[in-house]
Amino acid sequence: MGVAKISGHQQEEELLDLTPKFDEEEKHRLEERKKAMDALLEQECIGKFKIEIMFSHRRSITKPTPGALSIWESGCKLHGGGDGKVYFCPPPENGGCSAAIPFDNTNYGHCLCPKCGKAWKSTEVVGEVLGNWPVGTWAQKLVEYFTFLGHNADIYIKQPYGDIRGAAKVEQEKQLMGDRLAVARMGVKRIIYPLKRILQDTQHGADLYGRFLAFLKA
């Protein structure tokens, strides 16, 4: 929800409804597509969510490593494809409740929390969890968010092949004709721990923290 001032003699505030309007037929189609997507994810044993950690190119298993953890809904954009970002309501000390805000509750730069019912600007909600932690702490964070998401998530690790800023500096100083910069721009290394494998690894009582720690160290 947002507030806009009306110019002229009224000089009053009007509450704007930022939620798109759908007729009943459109709502029905969206609901059917949502059900079909949920059924497909369940059938293929694909996580309804994705937990993604983007690490620094200097990732280490012995020293603290900076990174950003984010959560996505699998194939939820219009329930027809593409992943949608999950945000979090601000913490209680900032007037929120820390609940997850699904992609469907974000519109026009605003996010509506399904738990406390408050609407927030996109700049006020939490999109990423940033940290500079040792690998054991990152594993614990995965346990916490995997549990929070009902044990229904695939896990992704992404790490740049190189530091573009550093490569650009070296290239400029040594005139390496773009060799280092080209390598840095090749993209990111991606490692996936799919839900199906997580369930297989833990079905006989294997420790979840231990499995995530081994995955992060791989």
C-alpha atoms as a PDB file:
ATOM      1  CA  MET A   1       0.000   0.000   0.000  1.00  0.00           C
ATOM      2  CA  GLY A   2       1.219   3.529  -0.687  1.00  0.00           C
ATOM      3  CA  VAL A   3       0.087   7.036   0.122  1.00  0.00           C
ATOM      4  CA  ALA A   4      -0.126   9.891  -2.392  1.00  0.00           C
ATOM      5  CA  LYS A   5      -1.102  13.531  -1.869  1.00  0.00           C
ATOM      6  CA  ILE A   6      -3.814  15.049  -4.038  1.00  0.00           C
ATOM      7  CA  SER A   7      -3.072  18.477  -5.468  1.00  0.00           C
ATOM      8  CA  GLY A   8      -5.670  21.275  -5.527  1.00  0.00           C
ATOM      9  CA  HIS A   9      -8.134  22.314  -2.828  1.00  0.00           C
ATOM     10  CA  GLN A  10      -8.550  18.924  -1.229  1.00  0.00           C
ATOM     11  CA  GLN A  11      -4.981  18.642   0.112  1.00  0.00           C
ATOM     12  CA  GLU A  12      -5.772  15.256   1.611  1.00  0.00           C
ATOM     13  CA  GLU A  13      -4.158  11.855   1.506  1.00  0.00           C
ATOM     14  CA  GLU A  14      -5.614   9.024  -0.493  1.00  0.00           C
ATOM     15  CA  LEU A  15      -4.757   5.402   0.128  1.00  0.00           C
ATOM     16  CA  LEU A  16      -3.835   3.772  -3.149  1.00  0.00           C
ATOM     17  CA  ASP A  17      -4.555   0.118  -3.812  1.00  0.00           C
ATOM     18  CA  LEU A  18      -1.405  -1.241  -5.425  1.00  0.00           C
ATOM     19  CA  THR A  19      -2.717  -4.772  -5.930  1.00  0.00           C
ATOM     20  CA  PRO A  20      -3.544  -5.571  -9.579  1.00  0.00           C
ATOM     21  CA  LYS A  21      -7.206  -6.241 -10.242  1.00  0.00           C
ATOM     22  CA  PHE A  22      -8.130  -9.627 -11.691  1.00  0.00           C
ATOM     23  CA  ASP A  23     -11.575 -10.764 -12.674  1.00  0.00           C
ATOM     24  CA  GLU A  24     -12.849 -14.103 -11.389  1.00  0.00           C
ATOM     25  CA  GLU A  25     -11.877 -15.956 -14.567  1.00  0.00           C
ATOM     26  CA  GLU A  26      -8.296 -14.673 -14.368  1.00  0.00           C
ATOM     27  CA  LYS A  27      -8.103 -15.578 -10.677  1.00  0.00           C
ATOM     28  CA  HIS A  28      -9.323 -19.071 -11.476  1.00  0.00           C
ATOM     29  CA  ARG A  29      -6.733 -19.527 -14.236  1.00  0.00           C
ATOM     30  CA  LEU A  30      -3.925 -18.352 -11.965  1.00  0.00           C
ATOM     31  CA  GLU A  31      -5.055 -20.683  -9.196  1.00  0.00           C
ATOM     32  CA  GLU A  32      -5.194 -23.640 -11.579  1.00  0.00           C
ATOM     33  CA  ARG A  33      -1.717 -22.884 -12.905  1.00  0.00           C
ATOM     34  CA  LYS A  34      -0.443 -22.597  -9.334  1.00  0.00           C
ATOM     35  CA  LYS A  35      -1.893 -26.007  -8.473  1.00  0.00           C
ATOM     36  CA  ALA A  36      -0.372 -27.510 -11.614  1.00  0.00           C
ATOM     37  CA  MET A  37       3.056 -26.031 -10.805  1.00  0.00           C
ATOM     38  CA  ASP A  38       2.930 -27.266  -7.205  1.00  0.00           C
ATOM     39  CA  ALA A  39       1.961 -30.749  -8.420  1.00  0.00           C
ATOM     40  CA  LEU A  40       4.807 -30.758 -10.958  1.00  0.00           C
ATOM     41  CA  LEU A  41       7.373 -29.702  -8.349  1.00  0.00           C
ATOM     42  CA  GLU A  42       6.154 -32.422  -6.007  1.00  0.00           C
ATOM     43  CA  GLN A  43       6.154 -35.068  -8.731  1.00  0.00           C
ATOM     44  CA  GLU A  44       9.686 -34.218  -9.837  1.00  0.00           C
ATOM     45  CA  CYS A  45      10.837 -33.847  -6.210  1.00  0.00           C
ATOM     46  CA  ILE A  46      12.001 -30.323  -6.894  1.00  0.00           C
ATOM     47  CA  GLY A  47      12.038 -27.886  -4.014  1.00  0.00           C
ATOM     48  CA  LYS A  48       9.260 -25.336  -3.892  1.00  0.00           C
ATOM     49  CA  PHE A  49      11.981 -22.891  -2.850  1.00  0.00           C
ATOM     50  CA  LYS A  50      15.628 -22.303  -3.643  1.00  0.00           C
ATOM     51  CA  ILE A  51      18.138 -21.199  -1.046  1.00  0.00           C
ATOM     52  CA  GLU A  52      20.994 -19.471  -2.803  1.00  0.00           C
ATOM     53  CA  ILE A  53      24.313 -18.378  -1.328  1.00  0.00           C
ATOM     54  CA  MET A  54      26.516 -16.135  -3.459  1.00  0.00           C
ATOM     55  CA  PHE A  55      30.037 -16.332  -2.088  1.00  0.00           C
ATOM     56  CA  SER A  56      33.011 -14.117  -2.743  1.00  0.00           C
ATOM     57  CA  HIS A  57      35.499 -15.361  -5.307  1.00  0.00           C
ATOM     58  CA  ARG A  58      37.836 -15.821  -2.331  1.00  0.00           C
ATOM     59  CA  ARG A  59      35.680 -18.456  -0.716  1.00  0.00           C
ATOM     60  CA  SER A  60      37.506 -20.429   1.970  1.00  0.00           C
ATOM     61  CA  ILE A  61      36.718 -23.483   4.100  1.00  0.00           C
ATOM     62  CA  THR A  62      39.182 -22.451   6.802  1.00  0.00           C
ATOM     63  CA  LYS A  63      38.588 -18.706   7.112  1.00  0.00           C
ATOM     64  CA  PRO A  64      35.449 -16.529   7.270  1.00  0.00           C
ATOM     65  CA  THR A  65      34.011 -15.910   3.808  1.00  0.00           C
ATOM     66  CA  PRO A  66      31.691 -13.017   2.842  1.00  0.00           C
ATOM     67  CA  GLY A  67      28.467 -13.992   1.148  1.00  0.00           C
ATOM     68  CA  ALA A  68      24.804 -13.200   0.564  1.00  0.00           C
ATOM     69  CA  LEU A  69      21.967 -15.666   1.223  1.00  0.00           C
ATOM     70  CA  SER A  70      18.693 -15.219  -0.665  1.00  0.00           C
ATOM     71  CA  ILE A  71      15.528 -17.269  -1.144  1.00  0.00           C
ATOM     72  CA  TRP A  72      13.504 -17.801  -4.319  1.00  0.00           C
ATOM     73  CA  GLU A  73      10.210 -19.476  -5.209  1.00  0.00           C
ATOM     74  CA  SER A  74      10.698 -22.039  -7.966  1.00  0.00           C
ATOM     75  CA  GLY A  75       8.840 -21.265 -11.171  1.00  0.00           C
ATOM     76  CA  CYS A  76       6.346 -18.987  -9.466  1.00  0.00           C
ATOM     77  CA  LYS A  77       6.267 -15.966 -11.772  1.00  0.00           C
ATOM     78  CA  LEU A  78       2.651 -15.991 -12.893  1.00  0.00           C
ATOM     79  CA  HIS A  79       2.908 -19.669 -11.934  1.00  0.00           C
ATOM     80  CA  GLY A  80       4.240 -20.384 -15.383  1.00  0.00           C
ATOM     81  CA  GLY A  81       8.008 -20.134 -15.221  1.00  0.00           C
ATOM     82  CA  GLY A  82      10.870 -18.202 -13.748  1.00  0.00           C
ATOM     83  CA  ASP A  83      11.811 -17.880 -10.099  1.00  0.00           C
ATOM     84  CA  GLY A  84      10.408 -15.174  -7.843  1.00  0.00           C
ATOM     85  CA  LYS A  85      12.345 -13.467  -5.061  1.00  0.00           C
ATOM     86  CA  VAL A  86      11.169 -14.034  -1.485  1.00  0.00           C
ATOM     87  CA  TYR A  87      11.524 -11.092   0.895  1.00  0.00           C
ATOM     88  CA  PHE A  88      11.237 -10.896   4.657  1.00  0.00           C
ATOM     89  CA  CYS A  89       9.157  -8.553   6.751  1.00  0.00           C
ATOM     90  CA  PRO A  90      11.361  -6.243   8.883  1.00  0.00           C
ATOM     91  CA  PRO A  91      12.214  -7.576  12.355  1.00  0.00           C
ATOM     92  CA  PRO A  92       9.961  -6.732  15.347  1.00  0.00           C
ATOM     93  CA  GLU A  93      12.315  -3.984  16.511  1.00  0.00           C
ATOM     94  CA  ASN A  94      11.595  -2.201  13.218  1.00  0.00           C
ATOM     95  CA  GLY A  95       7.831  -2.704  13.375  1.00  0.00           C
ATOM     96  CA  GLY A  96       7.556  -5.941  11.423  1.00  0.00           C
ATOM     97  CA  CYS A  97       7.318  -9.645  12.199  1.00  0.00           C
ATOM     98  CA  SER A  98      10.209 -11.225  10.191  1.00  0.00           C
ATOM     99  CA  ALA A  99       7.773 -13.446   8.216  1.00  0.00           C
ATOM    100  CA  ALA A 100       8.483 -14.480   4.626  1.00  0.00           C
ATOM    101  CA  ILE A 101       6.773 -12.395   1.940  1.00  0.00           C
ATOM    102  CA  PRO A 102       6.061 -14.491  -1.192  1.00  0.00           C
ATOM    103  CA  PHE A 103       6.600 -13.155  -4.695  1.00  0.00           C
ATOM    104  CA  ASP A 104       2.868 -12.796  -5.327  1.00  0.00           C
ATOM    105  CA  ASN A 105       2.700 -10.245  -2.493  1.00  0.00           C
ATOM    106  CA  THR A 106       5.103  -7.838  -4.174  1.00  0.00           C
ATOM    107  CA  ASN A 107       3.808  -5.176  -6.529  1.00  0.00           C
ATOM    108  CA  TYR A 108       4.907  -1.727  -7.721  1.00  0.00           C
ATOM    109  CA  GLY A 109       7.827  -1.510  -5.343  1.00  0.00           C
ATOM    110  CA  HIS A 110       5.783  -2.527  -2.299  1.00  0.00           C
ATOM    111  CA  CYS A 111       5.554  -5.766  -0.327  1.00  0.00           C
ATOM    112  CA  LEU A 112       2.530  -6.911   1.670  1.00  0.00           C
ATOM    113  CA  CYS A 113       3.324  -9.205   4.592  1.00  0.00           C
ATOM    114  CA  PRO A 114       0.819 -12.109   4.745  1.00  0.00           C
ATOM    115  CA  LYS A 115       1.338 -12.536   8.485  1.00  0.00           C
ATOM    116  CA  CYS A 116       1.123  -9.065  10.041  1.00  0.00           C
ATOM    117  CA  GLY A 117      -0.737  -7.471   7.113  1.00  0.00           C
ATOM    118  CA  LYS A 118       1.578  -4.472   6.881  1.00  0.00           C
ATOM    119  CA  ALA A 119       2.713  -3.033   3.559  1.00  0.00           C
ATOM    120  CA  TRP A 120       6.346  -2.062   3.175  1.00  0.00           C
ATOM    121  CA  LYS A 121       8.419  -0.316   0.550  1.00  0.00           C
ATOM    122  CA  SER A 122      10.853  -2.611  -1.215  1.00  0.00           C
ATOM    123  CA  THR A 123      13.676  -0.671   0.418  1.00  0.00           C
ATOM    124  CA  GLU A 124      12.331  -1.528   3.880  1.00  0.00           C
ATOM    125  CA  VAL A 125      12.115  -5.314   3.599  1.00  0.00           C
ATOM    126  CA  VAL A 126      14.971  -7.802   3.859  1.00  0.00           C
ATOM    127  CA  GLY A 127      16.060  -9.353   0.562  1.00  0.00           C
ATOM    128  CA  GLU A 128      19.399 -10.894   1.447  1.00  0.00           C
ATOM    129  CA  VAL A 129      21.115 -12.091   4.583  1.00  0.00           C
ATOM    130  CA  LEU A 130      24.672 -10.775   4.445  1.00  0.00           C
ATOM    131  CA  GLY A 131      27.481 -12.243   6.476  1.00  0.00           C
ATOM    132  CA  ASN A 132      31.192 -12.866   6.736  1.00  0.00           C
ATOM    133  CA  TRP A 133      31.236 -16.193   8.542  1.00  0.00           C
ATOM    134  CA  PRO A 134      33.245 -19.419   8.749  1.00  0.00           C
ATOM    135  CA  VAL A 135      31.885 -22.404   6.842  1.00  0.00           C
ATOM    136  CA  GLY A 136      30.292 -23.894   9.984  1.00  0.00           C
ATOM    137  CA  THR A 137      28.165 -20.786  10.496  1.00  0.00           C
ATOM    138  CA  TRP A 138      27.072 -20.812   6.861  1.00  0.00           C
ATOM    139  CA  ALA A 139      26.021 -24.460   7.315  1.00  0.00           C
ATOM    140  CA  GLN A 140      23.977 -23.497  10.368  1.00  0.00           C
ATOM    141  CA  LYS A 141      22.277 -20.737   8.381  1.00  0.00           C
ATOM    142  CA  LEU A 142      21.317 -23.308   5.738  1.00  0.00           C
ATOM    143  CA  VAL A 143      19.810 -25.547   8.435  1.00  0.00           C
ATOM    144  CA  GLU A 144      17.809 -22.626   9.852  1.00  0.00           C
ATOM    145  CA  TYR A 145      16.359 -21.491   6.530  1.00  0.00           C
ATOM    146  CA  PHE A 146      15.827 -25.016   5.183  1.00  0.00           C
ATOM    147  CA  THR A 147      13.801 -25.769   8.327  1.00  0.00           C
ATOM    148  CA  PHE A 148      11.987 -22.428   8.074  1.00  0.00           C
ATOM    149  CA  LEU A 149      10.902 -23.365   4.524  1.00  0.00           C
ATOM    150  CA  GLY A 150       9.405 -26.653   5.682  1.00  0.00           C
ATOM    151  CA  HIS A 151      12.287 -28.813   4.422  1.00  0.00           C
ATOM    152  CA  ASN A 152      11.186 -28.046   0.870  1.00  0.00           C
ATOM    153  CA  ALA A 153      14.085 -26.325  -0.852  1.00  0.00           C
ATOM    154  CA  ASP A 154      16.945 -26.963  -3.246  1.00  0.00           C
ATOM    155  CA  ILE A 155      20.230 -25.353  -2.259  1.00  0.00           C
ATOM    156  CA  TYR A 156      22.503 -23.446  -4.614  1.00  0.00           C
ATOM    157  CA  ILE A 157      26.014 -22.118  -4.128  1.00  0.00           C
ATOM    158  CA  LYS A 158      27.275 -19.535  -6.586  1.00  0.00           C
ATOM    159  CA  GLN A 159      30.821 -18.237  -6.740  1.00  0.00           C
ATOM    160  CA  PRO A 160      32.402 -15.929  -9.358  1.00  0.00           C
ATOM    161  CA  TYR A 161      35.309 -17.434 -11.255  1.00  0.00           C
ATOM    162  CA  GLY A 162      37.248 -14.236 -10.679  1.00  0.00           C
ATOM    163  CA  ASP A 163      37.154 -10.718  -9.307  1.00  0.00           C
ATOM    164  CA  ILE A 164      36.246  -8.409 -12.197  1.00  0.00           C
ATOM    165  CA  ARG A 165      37.467  -5.278 -10.419  1.00  0.00           C
ATOM    166  CA  GLY A 166      40.761  -6.877  -9.507  1.00  0.00           C
ATOM    167  CA  ALA A 167      41.180  -8.351 -12.974  1.00  0.00           C
ATOM    168  CA  ALA A 168      40.520  -4.976 -14.600  1.00  0.00           C
ATOM    169  CA  LYS A 169      43.185  -3.352 -12.428  1.00  0.00           C
ATOM    170  CA  VAL A 170      45.774  -6.020 -13.228  1.00  0.00           C
ATOM    171  CA  GLU A 171      44.946  -5.835 -16.913  1.00  0.00           C
ATOM    172  CA  GLN A 172      45.388  -2.087 -16.940  1.00  0.00           C
ATOM    173  CA  GLU A 173      48.706  -2.236 -15.106  1.00  0.00           C
ATOM    174  CA  LYS A 174      50.234  -5.132 -17.047  1.00  0.00           C
ATOM    175  CA  GLN A 175      48.447  -4.713 -20.402  1.00  0.00           C
ATOM    176  CA  LEU A 176      47.452  -8.352 -20.593  1.00  0.00           C
ATOM    177  CA  MET A 177      45.117  -7.640 -23.533  1.00  0.00           C
ATOM    178  CA  GLY A 178      42.026  -8.674 -21.679  1.00  0.00           C
ATOM    179  CA  ASP A 179      43.014 -12.243 -20.823  1.00  0.00           C
ATOM    180  CA  ARG A 180      42.376 -11.921 -17.087  1.00  0.00           C
ATOM    181  CA  LEU A 181      39.231  -9.846 -17.528  1.00  0.00           C
ATOM    182  CA  ALA A 182      37.775 -12.356 -19.983  1.00  0.00           C
ATOM    183  CA  VAL A 183      38.220 -15.154 -17.454  1.00  0.00           C
ATOM    184  CA  ALA A 184      36.594 -13.070 -14.712  1.00  0.00           C
ATOM    185  CA  ARG A 185      33.595 -12.384 -16.956  1.00  0.00           C
ATOM    186  CA  MET A 186      32.971 -16.016 -17.823  1.00  0.00           C
ATOM    187  CA  GLY A 187      30.321 -16.180 -15.127  1.00  0.00           C
ATOM    188  CA  VAL A 188      29.936 -17.998 -11.861  1.00  0.00           C
ATOM    189  CA  LYS A 189      30.587 -21.474 -10.613  1.00  0.00           C
ATOM    190  CA  ARG A 190      27.326 -23.104  -9.528  1.00  0.00           C
ATOM    191  CA  ILE A 191      26.943 -26.096  -7.214  1.00  0.00           C
ATOM    192  CA  ILE A 192      23.501 -27.567  -6.496  1.00  0.00           C
ATOM    193  CA  TYR A 193      22.291 -29.749  -3.649  1.00  0.00           C
ATOM    194  CA  PRO A 194      18.814 -30.756  -4.888  1.00  0.00           C
ATOM    195  CA  LEU A 195      15.995 -31.568  -2.502  1.00  0.00           C
ATOM    196  CA  LYS A 196      15.759 -35.124  -3.822  1.00  0.00           C
ATOM    197  CA  ARG A 197      19.384 -35.765  -2.850  1.00  0.00           C
ATOM    198  CA  ILE A 198      18.964 -34.055   0.536  1.00  0.00           C
ATOM    199  CA  LEU A 199      16.039 -36.348   1.339  1.00  0.00           C
ATOM    200  CA  GLN A 200      17.995 -39.415   0.230  1.00  0.00           C
ATOM    201  CA  ASP A 201      21.003 -38.441   2.351  1.00  0.00           C
ATOM    202  CA  THR A 202      18.980 -37.785   5.498  1.00  0.00           C
ATOM    203  CA  GLN A 203      16.226 -40.413   5.325  1.00  0.00           C
ATOM    204  CA  HIS A 204      18.191 -42.814   7.505  1.00  0.00           C
ATOM    205  CA  GLY A 205      18.900 -40.260  10.211  1.00  0.00           C
ATOM    206  CA  ALA A 206      21.971 -38.512   8.820  1.00  0.00           C
ATOM    207  CA  ASP A 207      22.641 -35.173  10.486  1.00  0.00           C
ATOM    208  CA  LEU A 208      21.315 -32.275   8.395  1.00  0.00           C
ATOM    209  CA  TYR A 209      23.982 -29.891   9.636  1.00  0.00           C
ATOM    210  CA  GLY A 210      26.682 -32.424   8.796  1.00  0.00           C
ATOM    211  CA  ARG A 211      25.349 -32.899   5.279  1.00  0.00           C
ATOM    212  CA  PHE A 212      25.192 -29.167   4.627  1.00  0.00           C
ATOM    213  CA  LEU A 213      28.675 -28.697   6.051  1.00  0.00           C
ATOM    214  CA  ALA A 214      30.040 -31.394   3.738  1.00  0.00           C
ATOM    215  CA  PHE A 215      28.249 -29.758   0.791  1.00  0.00           C
ATOM    216  CA  LEU A 216      29.784 -26.370   1.570  1.00  0.00           C
ATOM    217  CA  LYS A 217      33.237 -27.891   1.833  1.00  0.00           C
ATOM    218  CA  ALA A 218      32.948 -29.804  -1.445  1.00  0.00           C
END
